[in-house]
Amino acid sequence: MPAVSVMIKPASGMCNMECEYCFYCDETKNRRCGNYGFMSEQTLKNVIRKTMLSAEGSISYIFQGGEPTLCGLEFFEKALEYQKQYNRKEIRVFNSLQTNGYAIDERWCDFFRKNGFLIGVSVDGTRETHDAFRHSKSGGPTFERVRHTVELLERYGVEYNILTVVNKQVAANVDKIYAFYRECGWRYQQYIACLEPFGAVRGGSAYAVTPEEYGKFLSRLFELWYADYRKGKQPYIRRFENYIRILLGYLPEACDQRGKCSIQNLVEADGSVYPCDFYALDEYCLGNFNTQRMEEINQKREETGFIARSEKLSPACSACDYYSLCRGGCQRNRDWQETGWYENYFCSGYRLFFETCYSKMQQVADEVQKRGH
């Protein structure tokens, strides 16, 4: 068995914020049981025991939500205890946590630093763009509180990155956001296109980004990044770094840039397992770690054909000049066609981006190769 990736939602869909575009809220509305509550200690033990004993070489635990910190610090202390208890093959263990940053304090930061957690903090740009869609439970602004969290992480020496959802407001303010992140010293950045609810008409919401807007956003972001690259001061932007990896002949670490879905284990608070964070729906359930072994869950994964389905791209997509870089994008952004193939909703946006920036990306890859990195 290769390295194992386990994404755990210990607080299910519960959250201390209310973001208008939250894809997980949409998923919970489309399940028989929307909220599974908090993960019990027995379920946590079963998840870690069965995944740890199945892994070879390394294992990654990513705690996500809802908001995972709602479970309290003791939950994560117990998780580390079980990791040590069941690490019988002395494999490398990586822990990370994705948070909205709303309730992080000094105790959390001290714990993260001492135990080597990588923290992803959701920030949607400047105060104006962030507060447009990311609200408190009472509908108030959240930006200043989240920014304070990032400052705390910095002060305590905790490794962190900034996760930004590219919605309509973010896409329209890329220059301001890039400059603001540089001013804050936020050097590790990840951007993902905003997801719309299942079954919704594409582009129908106030926050949705169109293919053209997304393509222009990526193009401008890359130009800003490239200008700093020429000065040796560029931030780490995950999507661009992965494109450079592809041009150098390496496998990208981001699953949406690989051309097909990777093997993942998304675990809900009740122990149920799904093939992807974007598909935590009843019809995609692979089993439950409380009652089944990893082998049975993987067998179900094979039977459902979830990964194989992600390879069904249209012949036009496969023949595209930019396919080797694009690879069809994330399955969640693809639409099924009557012809029997998937097509990515953002296809025209990606094409705009590659037409604008491909030559400079290739130039960067060539320079990196010459340096021997």
Protein backbone atom coordinates (compact mmCIF):
# COMPACT_ATOMS: atom_id res chain seq x y z
CA MET A 1 0.00 0.00 0.00
CA PRO A 2 1.44 3.43 -0.94
CA ALA A 3 1.41 6.56 1.24
CA VAL A 4 -2.08 7.19 2.59
CA SER A 5 -3.99 10.49 2.61
CA VAL A 6 -6.75 10.89 5.19
CA MET A 7 -8.94 13.99 5.41
CA ILE A 8 -10.94 14.04 8.63
CA LYS A 9 -14.01 16.21 9.31
CA PRO A 10 -14.21 15.86 13.11
CA ALA A 11 -16.94 18.50 13.50
CA SER A 12 -18.85 17.44 10.40
CA GLY A 13 -20.53 20.49 8.84
CA MET A 14 -20.63 22.56 12.03
CA CYS A 15 -18.96 25.95 11.83
CA ASN A 16 -18.58 29.16 13.83
CA MET A 17 -18.81 31.25 10.65
CA GLU A 18 -21.32 31.45 7.82
CA CYS A 19 -19.80 31.84 4.36
CA GLU A 20 -22.25 32.34 1.53
CA TYR A 21 -20.46 30.02 -0.92
CA CYS A 22 -19.60 27.15 1.48
CA PHE A 23 -19.59 23.99 -0.64
CA TYR A 24 -19.76 21.77 2.42
CA CYS A 25 -23.01 23.37 3.60
CA ASP A 26 -24.40 22.47 0.18
CA GLU A 27 -23.25 18.86 0.58
CA THR A 28 -24.88 18.53 4.00
CA LYS A 29 -28.18 19.72 2.51
CA ASN A 30 -27.99 16.95 -0.08
CA ARG A 31 -27.50 14.01 2.34
CA ARG A 32 -29.98 11.98 4.34
CA CYS A 33 -28.04 12.97 7.47
CA GLY A 34 -26.62 16.44 7.02
CA ASN A 35 -24.72 16.82 10.28
CA TYR A 36 -22.97 13.93 12.03
CA GLY A 37 -22.03 15.97 15.10
CA PHE A 38 -18.62 15.68 16.73
CA MET A 39 -16.41 12.65 16.10
CA SER A 40 -16.31 10.32 19.10
CA GLU A 41 -13.03 9.15 20.60
CA GLN A 42 -13.80 5.57 19.55
CA THR A 43 -14.33 6.61 15.94
CA LEU A 44 -11.12 8.67 15.99
CA LYS A 45 -9.27 5.63 17.34
CA ASN A 46 -10.69 3.35 14.64
CA VAL A 47 -9.86 5.78 11.83
CA ILE A 48 -6.25 6.25 12.94
CA ARG A 49 -5.67 2.57 13.76
CA LYS A 50 -6.97 1.27 10.44
CA THR A 51 -5.32 3.90 8.25
CA MET A 52 -2.01 3.85 10.12
CA LEU A 53 -1.68 0.08 9.92
CA SER A 54 -2.45 0.16 6.18
CA ALA A 55 0.10 2.82 5.26
CA GLU A 56 3.61 2.34 3.96
CA GLY A 57 6.30 5.01 4.10
CA SER A 58 4.14 7.95 5.14
CA ILE A 59 0.64 9.07 6.00
CA SER A 60 -1.01 12.49 5.95
CA TYR A 61 -3.85 13.52 8.23
CA ILE A 62 -5.68 16.67 7.16
CA PHE A 63 -8.28 17.97 9.60
CA GLN A 64 -10.97 20.01 7.90
CA GLY A 65 -14.54 21.16 8.36
CA GLY A 66 -16.94 22.69 8.87
CA GLU A 67 -14.53 24.10 11.40
CA PRO A 68 -12.33 21.38 12.98
CA THR A 69 -11.20 23.49 15.96
CA LEU A 70 -14.76 23.30 17.33
CA CYS A 71 -13.79 19.84 18.62
CA GLY A 72 -11.38 21.42 21.10
CA LEU A 73 -7.67 20.99 21.65
CA GLU A 74 -8.10 17.76 23.61
CA PHE A 75 -9.43 16.01 20.51
CA PHE A 76 -6.19 16.69 18.63
CA GLU A 77 -4.03 15.73 21.60
CA LYS A 78 -5.86 12.40 21.61
CA ALA A 79 -5.31 12.06 17.83
CA LEU A 80 -1.55 12.40 18.35
CA GLU A 81 -1.66 9.78 21.11
CA TYR A 82 -3.33 7.29 18.78
CA GLN A 83 -0.89 8.10 15.98
CA LYS A 84 2.01 7.23 18.28
CA GLN A 85 0.27 4.13 19.61
CA TYR A 86 -0.42 2.62 16.18
CA ASN A 87 2.70 3.71 14.32
CA ARG A 88 4.16 0.22 14.54
CA LYS A 89 6.01 0.48 11.22
CA GLU A 90 7.70 3.79 12.09
CA ILE A 91 6.20 5.60 9.11
CA ARG A 92 6.39 9.38 8.68
CA VAL A 93 3.26 11.16 9.88
CA PHE A 94 2.21 14.59 8.60
CA ASN A 95 -0.54 16.59 10.27
CA SER A 96 -2.26 19.64 8.84
CA LEU A 97 -5.41 21.56 9.63
CA GLN A 98 -7.55 23.85 7.49
CA THR A 99 -9.28 26.53 9.54
CA ASN A 100 -11.30 29.69 9.10
CA GLY A 101 -9.07 31.15 11.82
CA TYR A 102 -11.97 32.54 13.81
CA ALA A 103 -11.25 30.88 17.16
CA ILE A 104 -7.48 30.27 17.17
CA ASP A 105 -5.68 31.58 20.25
CA GLU A 106 -2.24 31.25 21.88
CA ARG A 107 -2.95 27.74 23.22
CA TRP A 108 -3.73 26.49 19.73
CA CYS A 109 -0.62 28.13 18.28
CA ASP A 110 1.61 26.61 20.96
CA PHE A 111 0.15 23.17 20.22
CA PHE A 112 0.59 23.55 16.45
CA ARG A 113 4.21 24.64 16.81
CA LYS A 114 5.20 21.91 19.27
CA ASN A 115 3.62 19.18 17.13
CA GLY A 116 4.64 20.37 13.66
CA PHE A 117 1.17 21.04 12.24
CA LEU A 118 0.89 22.83 8.91
CA ILE A 119 -2.05 25.25 9.11
CA GLY A 120 -4.12 26.45 6.19
CA VAL A 121 -6.03 29.66 6.90
CA SER A 122 -8.93 30.73 4.71
CA VAL A 123 -8.57 34.39 3.74
CA ASP A 124 -10.32 35.90 0.73
CA GLY A 125 -8.01 38.81 -0.02
CA THR A 126 -8.40 42.25 1.49
CA ARG A 127 -10.87 43.28 4.19
CA GLU A 128 -13.41 44.33 1.54
CA THR A 129 -13.26 41.17 -0.56
CA HIS A 130 -13.03 38.83 2.44
CA ASP A 131 -15.99 40.31 4.31
CA ALA A 132 -18.14 40.31 1.17
CA PHE A 133 -18.99 36.59 1.59
CA ARG A 134 -17.28 35.33 4.78
CA HIS A 135 -19.49 36.32 7.71
CA SER A 136 -19.84 35.59 11.40
CA LYS A 137 -22.94 33.72 12.57
CA SER A 138 -24.61 37.07 13.20
CA GLY A 139 -23.70 38.28 9.72
CA GLY A 140 -20.85 40.52 10.82
CA PRO A 141 -17.33 40.94 9.40
CA THR A 142 -14.60 38.38 10.17
CA PHE A 143 -11.51 39.73 8.46
CA GLU A 144 -9.77 41.45 11.39
CA ARG A 145 -10.20 38.44 13.64
CA VAL A 146 -8.76 36.09 10.99
CA ARG A 147 -5.88 38.44 10.25
CA HIS A 148 -5.06 38.44 13.97
CA THR A 149 -4.91 34.64 13.84
CA VAL A 150 -2.34 34.75 11.04
CA GLU A 151 -0.26 37.19 13.07
CA LEU A 152 -0.42 34.79 16.04
CA LEU A 153 0.72 31.87 13.89
CA GLU A 154 3.60 34.00 12.64
CA ARG A 155 4.57 35.04 16.16
CA TYR A 156 4.62 31.43 17.37
CA GLY A 157 6.59 30.16 14.37
CA VAL A 158 3.79 27.92 13.08
CA GLU A 159 3.99 26.93 9.41
CA TYR A 160 0.95 28.20 7.54
CA ASN A 161 -0.39 29.00 4.10
CA ILE A 162 -3.24 31.17 2.89
CA LEU A 163 -6.15 29.56 1.06
CA THR A 164 -8.15 31.99 -1.08
CA VAL A 165 -11.40 31.12 -2.83
CA VAL A 166 -11.60 32.83 -6.21
CA ASN A 167 -15.09 34.29 -6.25
CA LYS A 168 -16.33 37.24 -8.28
CA GLN A 169 -15.03 39.83 -5.80
CA VAL A 170 -11.58 38.22 -5.55
CA ALA A 171 -11.24 37.83 -9.33
CA ALA A 172 -11.99 41.52 -9.83
CA ASN A 173 -9.37 42.68 -7.31
CA VAL A 174 -6.32 40.56 -8.03
CA ASP A 175 -3.83 43.47 -8.06
CA LYS A 176 -4.95 44.77 -4.66
CA ILE A 177 -4.97 41.29 -3.16
CA TYR A 178 -1.52 40.37 -4.46
CA ALA A 179 -0.08 43.65 -3.15
CA PHE A 180 -1.80 43.17 0.21
CA TYR A 181 -0.49 39.62 0.65
CA ARG A 182 3.01 40.82 -0.20
CA GLU A 183 2.68 43.63 2.35
CA CYS A 184 1.60 41.09 5.00
CA GLY A 185 4.47 38.73 4.13
CA TRP A 186 2.09 35.88 3.26
CA ARG A 187 4.43 33.94 1.02
CA TYR A 188 2.58 30.62 0.73
CA GLN A 189 -0.65 30.94 -1.19
CA GLN A 190 -3.27 28.68 -2.70
CA TYR A 191 -6.18 29.76 -4.88
CA ILE A 192 -9.19 27.60 -5.77
CA ALA A 193 -12.14 28.46 -7.98
CA CYS A 194 -15.37 29.01 -6.08
CA LEU A 195 -17.71 26.00 -6.25
CA GLU A 196 -21.40 26.43 -6.91
CA PRO A 197 -24.13 24.23 -5.37
CA PHE A 198 -24.88 20.84 -6.90
CA GLY A 199 -27.41 21.18 -9.70
CA ALA A 200 -27.17 24.97 -9.83
CA VAL A 201 -27.08 26.84 -13.13
CA ARG A 202 -23.45 27.74 -13.72
CA GLY A 203 -22.72 31.40 -13.05
CA GLY A 204 -26.10 32.00 -11.45
CA SER A 205 -24.98 33.13 -7.97
CA ALA A 206 -23.68 36.50 -6.78
CA TYR A 207 -20.32 34.98 -5.89
CA ALA A 208 -19.79 32.70 -8.91
CA VAL A 209 -16.82 33.39 -11.16
CA THR A 210 -17.27 32.93 -14.93
CA PRO A 211 -14.71 31.11 -17.11
CA GLU A 212 -13.58 34.43 -18.60
CA GLU A 213 -13.22 36.06 -15.17
CA TYR A 214 -11.26 33.05 -13.89
CA GLY A 215 -8.98 33.01 -16.92
CA LYS A 216 -8.25 36.72 -16.59
CA PHE A 217 -7.65 36.29 -12.86
CA LEU A 218 -5.10 33.50 -13.41
CA SER A 219 -3.39 35.45 -16.18
CA ARG A 220 -3.02 38.61 -14.13
CA LEU A 221 -1.95 36.71 -11.02
CA PHE A 222 0.72 34.94 -13.03
CA GLU A 223 2.01 38.21 -14.52
CA LEU A 224 2.37 39.65 -11.02
CA TRP A 225 4.05 36.46 -9.82
CA TYR A 226 6.36 36.39 -12.86
CA ALA A 227 7.44 40.02 -12.31
CA ASP A 228 8.46 39.10 -8.75
CA TYR A 229 10.11 35.89 -10.00
CA ARG A 230 12.38 37.99 -12.21
CA LYS A 231 13.43 39.83 -9.03
CA GLY A 232 13.85 36.60 -7.06
CA LYS A 233 11.03 37.61 -4.70
CA GLN A 234 8.06 35.57 -5.89
CA PRO A 235 5.68 33.96 -3.38
CA TYR A 236 4.93 30.25 -3.50
CA ILE A 237 1.65 29.94 -5.41
CA ARG A 238 0.67 26.30 -5.46
CA ARG A 239 -0.99 26.21 -8.89
CA PHE A 240 1.94 27.86 -10.67
CA GLU A 241 4.52 25.74 -8.86
CA ASN A 242 2.66 22.62 -10.00
CA TYR A 243 2.57 23.79 -13.62
CA ILE A 244 6.34 24.27 -13.46
CA ARG A 245 6.66 20.76 -12.00
CA ILE A 246 4.66 19.34 -14.93
CA LEU A 247 6.85 21.16 -17.46
CA LEU A 248 9.89 19.66 -15.71
CA GLY A 249 8.44 16.17 -16.08
CA TYR A 250 7.32 15.66 -12.48
CA LEU A 251 3.93 14.60 -11.14
CA PRO A 252 2.04 17.58 -9.65
CA GLU A 253 1.10 17.15 -6.00
CA ALA A 254 -2.26 18.91 -6.47
CA CYS A 255 -4.90 16.32 -7.41
CA ASP A 256 -6.86 18.68 -9.69
CA GLN A 257 -3.78 19.06 -11.90
CA ARG A 258 -3.08 15.36 -12.40
CA GLY A 259 -5.67 14.55 -15.06
CA LYS A 260 -7.57 12.09 -12.89
CA CYS A 261 -8.71 11.88 -9.31
CA SER A 262 -6.24 10.55 -6.74
CA ILE A 263 -6.88 8.02 -3.96
CA GLN A 264 -8.25 9.93 -1.00
CA ASN A 265 -10.10 9.04 2.17
CA LEU A 266 -12.51 11.74 3.30
CA VAL A 267 -13.82 10.71 6.73
CA GLU A 268 -16.98 12.19 8.21
CA ALA A 269 -17.52 12.51 11.96
CA ASP A 270 -19.41 9.20 12.11
CA GLY A 271 -16.54 7.32 10.44
CA SER A 272 -18.11 7.12 6.98
CA VAL A 273 -15.64 7.39 4.08
CA TYR A 274 -15.92 9.19 0.73
CA PRO A 275 -13.54 9.40 -2.24
CA CYS A 276 -13.20 13.20 -2.17
CA ASP A 277 -14.02 16.24 -0.08
CA PHE A 278 -16.14 17.55 -2.95
CA TYR A 279 -18.24 14.36 -3.07
CA ALA A 280 -19.22 13.67 0.55
CA LEU A 281 -22.69 12.55 -0.55
CA ASP A 282 -24.64 9.37 0.22
CA GLU A 283 -24.27 7.91 -3.26
CA TYR A 284 -20.47 8.13 -3.04
CA CYS A 285 -20.04 6.55 0.41
CA LEU A 286 -17.33 3.84 0.41
CA GLY A 287 -17.95 2.39 3.85
CA ASN A 288 -17.24 3.21 7.48
CA PHE A 289 -14.01 2.83 9.47
CA ASN A 290 -16.00 1.75 12.52
CA THR A 291 -17.15 -1.42 10.81
CA GLN A 292 -14.87 -2.02 7.80
CA ARG A 293 -11.21 -2.45 7.01
CA MET A 294 -9.20 -0.33 4.59
CA GLU A 295 -9.13 -3.24 2.11
CA GLU A 296 -12.95 -3.31 1.97
CA ILE A 297 -13.14 0.45 1.51
CA ASN A 298 -10.61 0.34 -1.32
CA GLN A 299 -12.54 -2.51 -2.95
CA LYS A 300 -15.69 -0.38 -2.88
CA ARG A 301 -13.69 2.49 -4.37
CA GLU A 302 -12.75 0.21 -7.26
CA GLU A 303 -16.33 -0.98 -7.73
CA THR A 304 -17.79 2.52 -7.89
CA GLY A 305 -15.38 3.55 -10.66
CA PHE A 306 -15.02 7.05 -9.20
CA ILE A 307 -11.40 7.44 -10.28
CA ALA A 308 -11.94 5.80 -13.68
CA ARG A 309 -14.82 8.17 -14.36
CA SER A 310 -12.51 11.14 -13.92
CA GLU A 311 -10.53 9.99 -16.97
CA LYS A 312 -13.51 10.37 -19.33
CA LEU A 313 -12.50 13.61 -20.99
CA SER A 314 -13.70 14.61 -24.45
CA PRO A 315 -11.44 13.86 -27.45
CA ALA A 316 -11.26 17.61 -28.07
CA CYS A 317 -9.86 18.10 -24.56
CA SER A 318 -7.24 15.38 -25.01
CA ALA A 319 -6.21 16.85 -28.37
CA CYS A 320 -5.85 20.40 -27.02
CA ASP A 321 -2.40 22.00 -27.33
CA TYR A 322 -2.45 22.67 -23.58
CA TYR A 323 -3.73 19.30 -22.39
CA SER A 324 -0.34 18.24 -21.03
CA LEU A 325 -0.51 21.16 -18.60
CA CYS A 326 -4.25 21.52 -18.02
CA ARG A 327 -5.24 17.83 -17.90
CA GLY A 328 -8.92 18.65 -17.69
CA GLY A 329 -8.97 20.22 -14.23
CA CYS A 330 -10.96 19.10 -11.20
CA GLN A 331 -13.82 16.64 -11.74
CA ARG A 332 -16.09 18.83 -9.59
CA ASN A 333 -15.80 21.58 -12.22
CA ARG A 334 -16.67 19.26 -15.11
CA ASP A 335 -20.07 18.85 -16.73
CA TRP A 336 -21.29 15.59 -18.27
CA GLN A 337 -22.08 15.84 -21.98
CA GLU A 338 -24.61 13.77 -23.92
CA THR A 339 -21.72 12.59 -26.07
CA GLY A 340 -20.48 10.54 -23.10
CA TRP A 341 -17.60 12.76 -22.01
CA TYR A 342 -16.83 15.38 -19.39
CA GLU A 343 -15.93 18.96 -20.24
CA ASN A 344 -14.56 21.44 -17.73
CA TYR A 345 -16.76 24.49 -17.17
CA PHE A 346 -13.64 26.67 -16.94
CA CYS A 347 -12.12 25.34 -20.17
CA SER A 348 -12.22 28.66 -22.05
CA GLY A 349 -10.75 30.41 -19.00
CA TYR A 350 -7.86 27.96 -18.82
CA ARG A 351 -7.25 28.37 -22.54
CA LEU A 352 -7.12 32.15 -22.14
CA PHE A 353 -4.64 31.72 -19.29
CA PHE A 354 -2.36 29.30 -21.14
CA GLU A 355 -2.41 31.37 -24.33
CA THR A 356 -1.30 34.36 -22.28
CA CYS A 357 1.23 32.77 -19.94
CA TYR A 358 2.47 29.45 -21.36
CA SER A 359 5.68 30.80 -22.90
CA LYS A 360 6.73 32.47 -19.64
CA MET A 361 5.97 29.32 -17.65
CA GLN A 362 8.15 27.34 -20.05
CA GLN A 363 10.87 29.94 -19.65
CA VAL A 364 10.75 29.55 -15.87
CA ALA A 365 10.89 25.75 -16.18
CA ASP A 366 13.91 25.97 -18.50
CA GLU A 367 15.72 28.24 -16.06
CA VAL A 368 14.94 25.98 -13.12
CA GLN A 369 16.24 22.98 -15.07
CA LYS A 370 19.48 24.78 -15.94
CA ARG A 371 20.03 25.56 -12.27
CA GLY A 372 19.58 21.87 -11.52
CA HIS A 373 16.71 22.36 -9.04
